[in-house]
Protein backbone atom coordinates (compact mmCIF):
# COMPACT_ATOMS: atom_id res chain seq x y z
CA MET A 1 -0.04 0.07 -0.04
CA ALA A 2 1.52 3.38 -1.02
CA ALA A 3 2.32 6.00 1.56
CA THR A 4 -0.01 8.43 -0.12
CA GLU A 5 -2.93 6.16 0.26
CA ILE A 6 -2.14 5.64 3.94
CA ALA A 7 -1.83 9.44 4.54
CA ARG A 8 -5.21 10.13 2.75
CA GLN A 9 -6.61 13.40 4.10
CA VAL A 10 -9.93 13.66 5.61
CA GLY A 11 -11.28 17.15 6.41
CA GLU A 12 -8.72 19.79 7.36
CA GLY A 13 -5.48 18.36 8.53
CA CYS A 14 -6.94 15.02 9.63
CA ARG A 15 -5.61 11.89 8.27
CA THR A 16 -6.64 8.33 8.52
CA VAL A 17 -3.74 6.08 9.70
CA PRO A 18 -4.23 2.23 10.00
CA LEU A 19 -3.37 0.40 13.18
CA SER A 20 -1.04 -2.58 13.22
CA GLY A 21 -2.45 -4.10 16.30
CA HIS A 22 -4.82 -3.54 19.29
CA VAL A 23 -4.50 -0.31 21.27
CA GLY A 24 -7.40 -0.29 23.67
CA PHE A 25 -9.21 3.15 23.13
CA ASP A 26 -12.04 1.02 21.79
CA SER A 27 -13.10 0.75 25.50
CA LEU A 28 -13.93 4.44 25.68
CA PRO A 29 -17.72 4.02 25.49
CA ASP A 30 -17.24 1.37 28.44
CA GLN A 31 -15.22 3.86 30.44
CA LEU A 32 -17.90 6.57 29.70
CA VAL A 33 -20.73 4.08 30.83
CA ASN A 34 -18.70 3.21 34.13
CA LYS A 35 -17.99 7.09 34.68
CA SER A 36 -21.67 7.80 34.32
CA VAL A 37 -22.89 5.05 36.45
CA SER A 38 -20.55 5.77 39.25
CA HIS A 39 -21.48 9.49 39.00
CA GLY A 40 -25.19 8.87 38.96
CA PHE A 41 -27.87 10.80 36.89
CA CYS A 42 -30.40 13.28 37.70
CA PHE A 43 -33.82 13.96 36.04
CA ASN A 44 -36.10 16.83 36.90
CA ILE A 45 -40.01 16.83 36.06
CA LEU A 46 -42.44 19.60 36.24
CA CYS A 47 -46.15 18.59 36.87
CA VAL A 48 -48.33 21.34 35.84
CA GLY A 49 -51.94 21.21 36.48
CA GLU A 50 -54.94 21.87 38.66
CA THR A 51 -55.37 20.27 42.13
CA GLY A 52 -57.20 16.81 41.87
CA LEU A 53 -55.95 15.58 38.30
CA GLY A 54 -53.62 12.81 39.71
CA LYS A 55 -50.21 14.29 39.19
CA SER A 56 -48.93 12.57 42.27
CA THR A 57 -50.63 9.32 41.38
CA LEU A 58 -49.11 9.31 37.88
CA MET A 59 -45.67 9.86 39.21
CA ASP A 60 -46.04 7.05 41.69
CA THR A 61 -47.20 4.85 38.75
CA LEU A 62 -44.44 5.86 36.52
CA PHE A 63 -41.80 5.00 39.01
CA ASN A 64 -43.53 2.03 40.45
CA THR A 65 -43.14 3.48 44.14
CA LYS A 66 -44.96 5.63 46.65
CA PHE A 67 -43.58 9.09 46.86
CA GLU A 68 -44.32 10.77 50.21
CA GLY A 69 -46.35 13.91 50.01
CA GLU A 70 -49.24 15.64 51.56
CA PRO A 71 -52.30 16.29 49.47
CA ALA A 72 -52.67 20.17 48.38
CA SER A 73 -55.73 22.01 49.34
CA HIS A 74 -57.79 24.42 47.03
CA SER A 75 -57.14 27.33 49.38
CA GLN A 76 -53.76 28.69 48.19
CA PRO A 77 -53.50 32.50 47.71
CA GLY A 78 -51.35 31.95 44.64
CA VAL A 79 -49.44 29.41 42.63
CA GLN A 80 -46.50 27.97 44.50
CA LEU A 81 -43.92 25.49 43.10
CA LYS A 82 -42.92 22.62 45.34
CA SER A 83 -39.92 20.58 44.78
CA SER A 84 -39.36 17.11 46.18
CA THR A 85 -36.04 15.12 45.50
CA TYR A 86 -35.71 11.56 45.68
CA ASP A 87 -32.85 8.87 45.20
CA LEU A 88 -33.80 5.98 43.32
CA GLN A 89 -31.96 2.91 42.36
CA GLU A 90 -32.58 0.19 39.72
CA SER A 91 -30.09 -2.56 39.36
CA ASN A 92 -26.69 -0.56 39.73
CA VAL A 93 -27.80 2.73 38.22
CA HIS A 94 -28.69 5.60 40.72
CA LEU A 95 -30.98 8.32 39.64
CA LYS A 96 -31.60 11.55 41.68
CA LEU A 97 -35.22 12.47 40.72
CA THR A 98 -36.87 15.92 41.55
CA ILE A 99 -40.48 16.22 41.06
CA VAL A 100 -41.89 19.80 41.01
CA SER A 101 -45.55 20.43 41.52
CA THR A 102 -47.54 23.47 40.99
CA VAL A 103 -49.61 23.93 44.37
CA GLY A 104 -52.64 25.94 43.83
CA PHE A 105 -52.65 26.15 40.16
CA GLY A 106 -56.16 27.02 38.73
CA ASP A 107 -57.46 27.60 42.16
CA GLN A 108 -57.54 31.36 42.16
CA ILE A 109 -60.53 33.45 40.82
CA ASN A 110 -58.30 35.51 38.73
CA LYS A 111 -56.04 33.13 36.76
CA GLU A 112 -54.62 35.56 34.36
CA ASP A 113 -51.07 35.42 35.93
CA SER A 114 -51.12 31.76 36.98
CA TYR A 115 -48.42 30.98 34.38
CA LYS A 116 -45.96 33.57 35.57
CA SER A 117 -44.74 31.75 38.45
CA ILE A 118 -44.06 28.67 36.46
CA VAL A 119 -41.94 30.33 33.74
CA GLU A 120 -40.12 32.30 36.38
CA PHE A 121 -39.25 29.11 38.08
CA ILE A 122 -37.86 27.39 34.89
CA ASP A 123 -35.92 30.65 34.16
CA ALA A 124 -34.83 30.86 37.84
CA GLN A 125 -33.02 27.23 37.67
CA PHE A 126 -31.48 28.31 34.26
CA GLU A 127 -29.97 31.37 36.15
CA SER A 128 -28.87 29.33 38.93
CA TYR A 129 -26.77 27.27 36.69
CA LEU A 130 -25.42 30.12 34.69
CA GLN A 131 -24.40 32.01 38.08
CA GLU A 132 -22.54 28.59 38.91
CA GLU A 133 -20.94 28.42 35.48
CA LEU A 134 -19.71 31.86 35.56
CA LYS A 135 -18.01 31.45 38.92
CA ILE A 136 -14.24 31.43 39.24
CA LYS A 137 -14.19 28.35 41.16
CA ARG A 138 -16.80 26.14 39.83
CA VAL A 139 -18.11 22.84 41.12
CA LEU A 140 -20.37 21.87 38.63
CA HIS A 141 -19.44 18.20 38.95
CA ASN A 142 -21.04 18.16 42.42
CA TYR A 143 -23.75 20.94 41.49
CA HIS A 144 -27.20 19.83 42.08
CA ASP A 145 -28.65 20.47 38.48
CA SER A 146 -32.14 21.60 39.08
CA ARG A 147 -32.93 22.60 35.66
CA ILE A 148 -36.38 21.21 34.35
CA HIS A 149 -35.74 18.25 31.81
CA ALA A 150 -39.40 17.57 31.21
CA CYS A 151 -42.72 19.39 31.85
CA LEU A 152 -46.07 17.28 32.07
CA TYR A 153 -49.08 19.46 31.55
CA PHE A 154 -52.22 17.84 32.89
CA ILE A 155 -55.48 18.67 31.31
CA ALA A 156 -58.79 17.73 33.07
CA PRO A 157 -60.72 14.81 31.03
CA THR A 158 -63.99 16.68 30.79
CA GLY A 159 -64.59 16.29 26.95
CA HIS A 160 -64.92 19.87 26.43
CA SER A 161 -62.64 22.28 24.74
CA LEU A 162 -59.58 23.53 26.55
CA LYS A 163 -59.81 26.09 29.12
CA SER A 164 -58.43 29.53 28.68
CA LEU A 165 -55.76 28.99 31.45
CA ASP A 166 -54.77 25.69 29.65
CA LEU A 167 -54.22 27.60 26.30
CA VAL A 168 -52.30 30.40 27.94
CA THR A 169 -50.14 28.38 29.94
CA MET A 170 -49.22 25.94 27.35
CA LYS A 171 -48.42 28.80 24.77
CA LYS A 172 -46.01 30.23 27.45
CA LEU A 173 -44.34 26.79 28.06
CA ASP A 174 -44.52 25.85 24.27
CA SER A 175 -40.84 26.29 23.64
CA LYS A 176 -40.04 24.05 26.87
CA ALA A 177 -42.45 20.54 26.05
CA HIS A 178 -44.94 18.77 22.76
CA LEU A 179 -46.71 15.51 22.60
CA PRO A 180 -50.06 14.76 23.93
CA PHE A 181 -50.94 11.61 25.75
CA ALA A 182 -54.04 10.17 27.39
CA VAL A 183 -53.09 8.37 30.42
CA ILE A 184 -54.42 6.95 33.49
CA GLY A 185 -52.34 6.31 36.57
CA SER A 186 -53.04 3.88 39.58
CA THR A 187 -50.92 2.52 42.49
CA GLU A 188 -53.73 -0.09 43.22
CA GLU A 189 -53.54 -3.77 41.79
CA ILE A 190 -56.69 -5.63 40.70
CA LYS A 191 -57.07 -9.26 39.62
CA ILE A 192 -57.68 -9.65 36.19
CA GLY A 193 -57.92 -13.00 34.88
CA ASN A 194 -55.25 -14.88 36.67
CA LYS A 195 -53.00 -11.74 36.94
CA MET A 196 -52.71 -8.82 39.42
CA MET A 197 -52.51 -5.61 37.33
CA LYS A 198 -52.57 -1.82 38.11
CA ALA A 199 -55.94 -0.70 37.05
CA ARG A 200 -58.89 1.66 38.13
CA GLN A 201 -62.32 0.09 38.83
CA TYR A 202 -65.44 2.15 37.57
CA PRO A 203 -68.96 1.29 37.68
CA TRP A 204 -68.92 0.91 33.75
CA GLY A 205 -65.64 -1.49 33.84
CA THR A 206 -62.13 -1.68 34.61
CA VAL A 207 -59.14 0.36 32.91
CA GLN A 208 -55.89 -1.51 32.92
CA VAL A 209 -52.96 1.24 33.35
CA GLU A 210 -50.47 -0.70 31.19
CA ASN A 211 -52.97 -1.88 28.40
CA GLU A 212 -52.16 0.19 25.48
CA ALA A 213 -55.60 -0.39 24.04
CA HIS A 214 -56.94 1.60 27.06
CA CYS A 215 -54.61 4.40 27.53
CA ASP A 216 -51.04 5.90 26.52
CA PHE A 217 -49.37 5.23 29.89
CA VAL A 218 -46.97 2.45 28.35
CA LYS A 219 -46.04 5.01 25.51
CA LEU A 220 -45.62 7.94 27.97
CA ARG A 221 -43.36 5.66 30.29
CA GLU A 222 -41.34 4.55 27.13
CA MET A 223 -41.08 7.99 25.76
CA LEU A 224 -40.22 9.81 29.00
CA ILE A 225 -37.98 7.22 30.79
CA ARG A 226 -36.98 4.23 28.69
CA VAL A 227 -36.04 5.86 25.53
CA ASN A 228 -35.65 9.76 25.70
CA MET A 229 -34.63 10.47 29.29
CA GLU A 230 -31.12 11.27 28.27
CA ASP A 231 -32.26 13.18 25.30
CA LEU A 232 -34.43 15.11 27.19
CA ARG A 233 -31.35 15.94 29.77
CA GLU A 234 -29.31 16.98 26.57
CA GLN A 235 -31.86 18.77 24.99
CA THR A 236 -32.54 20.99 28.20
CA HIS A 237 -28.62 21.58 28.33
CA THR A 238 -27.74 22.12 24.67
CA ARG A 239 -31.14 23.83 23.46
CA HIS A 240 -32.97 25.47 26.18
CA TYR A 241 -30.08 26.36 28.55
CA GLU A 242 -27.79 27.36 25.80
CA LEU A 243 -30.73 29.67 24.27
CA TYR A 244 -31.15 31.26 27.73
CA ARG A 245 -27.44 31.74 28.40
CA ARG A 246 -26.97 33.37 25.02
CA CYS A 247 -29.84 35.80 25.59
CA LYS A 248 -28.46 36.64 29.23
CA LEU A 249 -24.99 37.10 28.15
CA GLU A 250 -26.04 39.32 25.05
CA GLU A 251 -28.12 41.34 27.54
CA MET A 252 -25.13 41.71 29.87
CA GLY A 253 -23.12 43.09 26.73
CA PHE A 254 -20.87 39.94 25.88
CA LYS A 255 -20.47 39.28 22.14
CA ASP A 256 -18.42 36.75 20.06
CA THR A 257 -17.35 39.28 17.41
CA ASP A 258 -17.19 43.16 17.15
CA PRO A 259 -19.04 45.42 14.54
CA ASP A 260 -16.15 44.41 11.97
CA SER A 261 -17.03 40.42 12.43
CA LYS A 262 -13.61 40.07 14.15
CA PRO A 263 -13.30 37.72 17.18
CA PHE A 264 -14.17 39.60 20.22
CA SER A 265 -12.15 38.18 23.40
CA LEU A 266 -13.70 38.03 26.94
CA GLN A 267 -11.23 40.59 28.14
CA GLU A 268 -12.23 43.06 25.35
CA THR A 269 -15.74 42.58 26.16
CA TYR A 270 -15.10 43.13 29.68
CA GLU A 271 -13.09 46.34 28.98
CA ALA A 272 -15.75 47.70 26.87
CA LYS A 273 -18.35 46.98 29.37
CA ARG A 274 -16.40 48.26 32.20
CA ASN A 275 -15.75 51.66 30.21
CA GLU A 276 -19.38 51.57 29.52
CA PHE A 277 -20.28 51.15 33.15
CA LEU A 278 -17.86 53.77 34.21
CA GLY A 279 -19.31 56.18 31.49
CA GLU A 280 -22.81 55.76 32.77
CA LEU A 281 -21.60 55.77 36.58
CA GLN A 282 -19.93 59.21 35.84
CA LYS A 283 -23.11 60.27 33.99
CA LYS A 284 -25.27 59.46 37.00
CA GLU A 285 -22.89 60.93 39.39
CA GLU A 286 -22.98 64.23 37.46
CA GLU A 287 -26.70 63.97 37.25
CA MET A 288 -26.75 63.22 40.92
CA ARG A 289 -24.32 66.16 41.77
CA GLN A 290 -26.44 68.62 39.72
CA MET A 291 -29.45 67.42 41.38
CA PHE A 292 -27.84 67.78 44.77
CA VAL A 293 -26.70 71.34 43.85
CA GLN A 294 -30.13 72.13 42.56
CA ARG A 295 -31.77 70.66 45.86
CA VAL A 296 -29.45 72.92 47.98
CA LYS A 297 -30.25 75.93 46.10
CA GLU A 298 -34.08 75.23 46.55
CA LYS A 299 -33.35 74.48 50.18
CA GLU A 300 -31.50 77.62 50.63
CA ALA A 301 -34.12 79.62 48.83
CA GLU A 302 -36.76 78.10 50.98
CA LEU A 303 -34.58 78.73 54.18
CA LYS A 304 -34.10 82.44 53.15
CA GLU A 305 -37.85 82.86 52.54
CA ALA A 306 -38.51 81.16 55.96
CA GLU A 307 -35.92 83.55 57.64
CA LYS A 308 -37.61 86.52 55.90
CA GLU A 309 -40.77 85.41 57.30
CA LEU A 310 -39.60 84.94 60.61
CA HIS A 311 -38.02 88.44 60.66
CA GLU A 312 -41.19 89.92 59.38
CA LYS A 313 -43.08 88.15 61.92
CA PHE A 314 -40.58 89.33 64.67
CA ASP A 315 -40.94 92.89 63.55
CA ARG A 316 -44.62 92.64 63.97
CA LEU A 317 -44.59 91.23 67.28
CA LYS A 318 -41.88 93.77 68.22
CA LYS A 319 -44.17 96.75 67.09
CA LEU A 320 -47.13 95.11 68.86
CA HIS A 321 -45.10 94.73 72.09
CA GLN A 322 -43.93 98.42 71.76
CA ASP A 323 -47.57 99.49 71.27
CA GLU A 324 -48.80 97.41 74.19
CA LYS A 325 -45.90 98.78 76.34
CA LYS A 326 -46.90 102.28 75.34
CA LYS A 327 -50.32 101.73 76.26
CA VAL A 328 -49.48 100.11 79.54
CA GLU A 329 -47.12 103.13 80.32
CA ASP A 330 -49.89 105.49 79.49
CA LYS A 331 -52.20 103.86 81.75
CA LYS A 332 -49.73 103.81 84.44
CA LYS A 333 -48.91 107.32 84.22
CA SER A 334 -52.73 107.96 84.32
CA LEU A 335 -53.12 105.99 87.44
CA ASP A 336 -50.18 107.68 88.95
CA ASP A 337 -51.82 111.03 88.38
CA GLU A 338 -54.86 109.84 89.71
CA VAL A 339 -53.21 108.51 92.74
CA ASN A 340 -51.31 111.86 93.25
CA ALA A 341 -54.51 113.83 92.94
CA PHE A 342 -56.30 111.52 95.55
CA LYS A 343 -53.44 112.06 97.92
CA GLN A 344 -53.65 115.86 97.55
CA ARG A 345 -57.42 115.63 98.20
CA LYS A 346 -56.92 113.39 101.06
CA THR A 347 -54.03 115.78 102.68
CA ALA A 348 -56.52 118.79 101.95
CA ALA A 349 -59.25 117.00 103.74
CA GLU A 350 -57.09 115.94 106.76
CA LEU A 351 -56.05 119.50 107.00
CA LEU A 352 -59.36 120.84 107.07
CA GLN A 353 -60.70 118.29 109.47
CA SER A 354 -57.58 119.21 111.79
CA GLN A 355 -58.37 122.85 111.51
CA ALA A 356 -62.16 122.12 112.53
CA GLN A 357 -60.96 119.97 115.37
CA GLN A 358 -58.77 122.68 116.41
CA ALA A 359 -61.56 125.32 116.26
CA GLY A 360 -64.02 123.25 118.04
CA GLY A 361 -61.43 122.70 120.91
CA SER A 362 -61.05 126.31 121.28
CA GLN A 363 -64.89 127.06 121.63
CA THR A 364 -65.15 124.37 124.26
CA LEU A 365 -62.58 126.00 126.45
CA LYS A 366 -64.03 129.25 126.04
CA ARG A 367 -67.49 127.93 127.28
CA ASP A 368 -65.74 126.23 130.15
CA LYS A 369 -64.14 129.51 131.32
CA GLU A 370 -67.48 131.44 131.13
CA ARG A 371 -69.22 128.74 133.23
CA LYS A 372 -66.62 129.11 135.98
CA ASN A 373 -67.10 132.64 136.21
């Protein structure tokens, strides 16, 4: 075989080279399996639906166990999302399963914003993962991934058209789940023929959970767990999370290329964003300074006006005090004049009384002398 044939190029700078013997990298798939099994898997399911539609029963049926949980009431003031995490093991495979239920969904009179809590919860899990990914010291290998991998929306089997709440919520979740199934869940086993089977007993007959002629439970379990679980996990990361991450980083100002379509490094992005931030900060500082100066001027004007009013009030009170003082002094002078006049009259009266007494005494002595003679 010619050297040119051995060194045949495939793609850019890649050549196929034959091996002379066994090397061992054909065990890579086995190594990957062993690593995954030792590390374990996680799967997160969001169950959306009104209270009493059988969400918990279906989860028990899907995983063939009894998850602990208290029944939800219909008296919730709003929609609350409740997460429960369980460690499951099948053969030597460990699965950390998280079931998120929407407590109070559809129980409010005003259902217009019921979907917001659900969408915000999904985005919040993406945001938590993104924050961990952006850390300098990351621990993604031990990070509890809470991103939703599958969303099951439960519709009441009324036979009528979909409710407005169902339409609005599914439209908001359209980019995050897609296939319809008619399923029945049950944890009770009923003897059918010679076998015990999971089924539901109704007055009109028995519905077998795992009978594909009765419902789509088997198809749902095959699609969700046995066939597409890893695909759903991968789709969550490579499609939905990446879309969220890209939009979030673009909002933060990060770009892959500059306006000239040239590579834009993280450092350049950081510097550009930093300069933009500093510019906005300086602008805000200047606006705040001008606003502060304006507020100070307004306050000084208010204080001057208040001071002017106080001076005017003080002048009015001072003038009023002087007028009152003058009136009191005039009154006092008038009273003093009256007192002096009264004293003069009193003195004159006392003098007249004294003179009269003296004159009366002289006449008495004269009469006494005449009697003696």
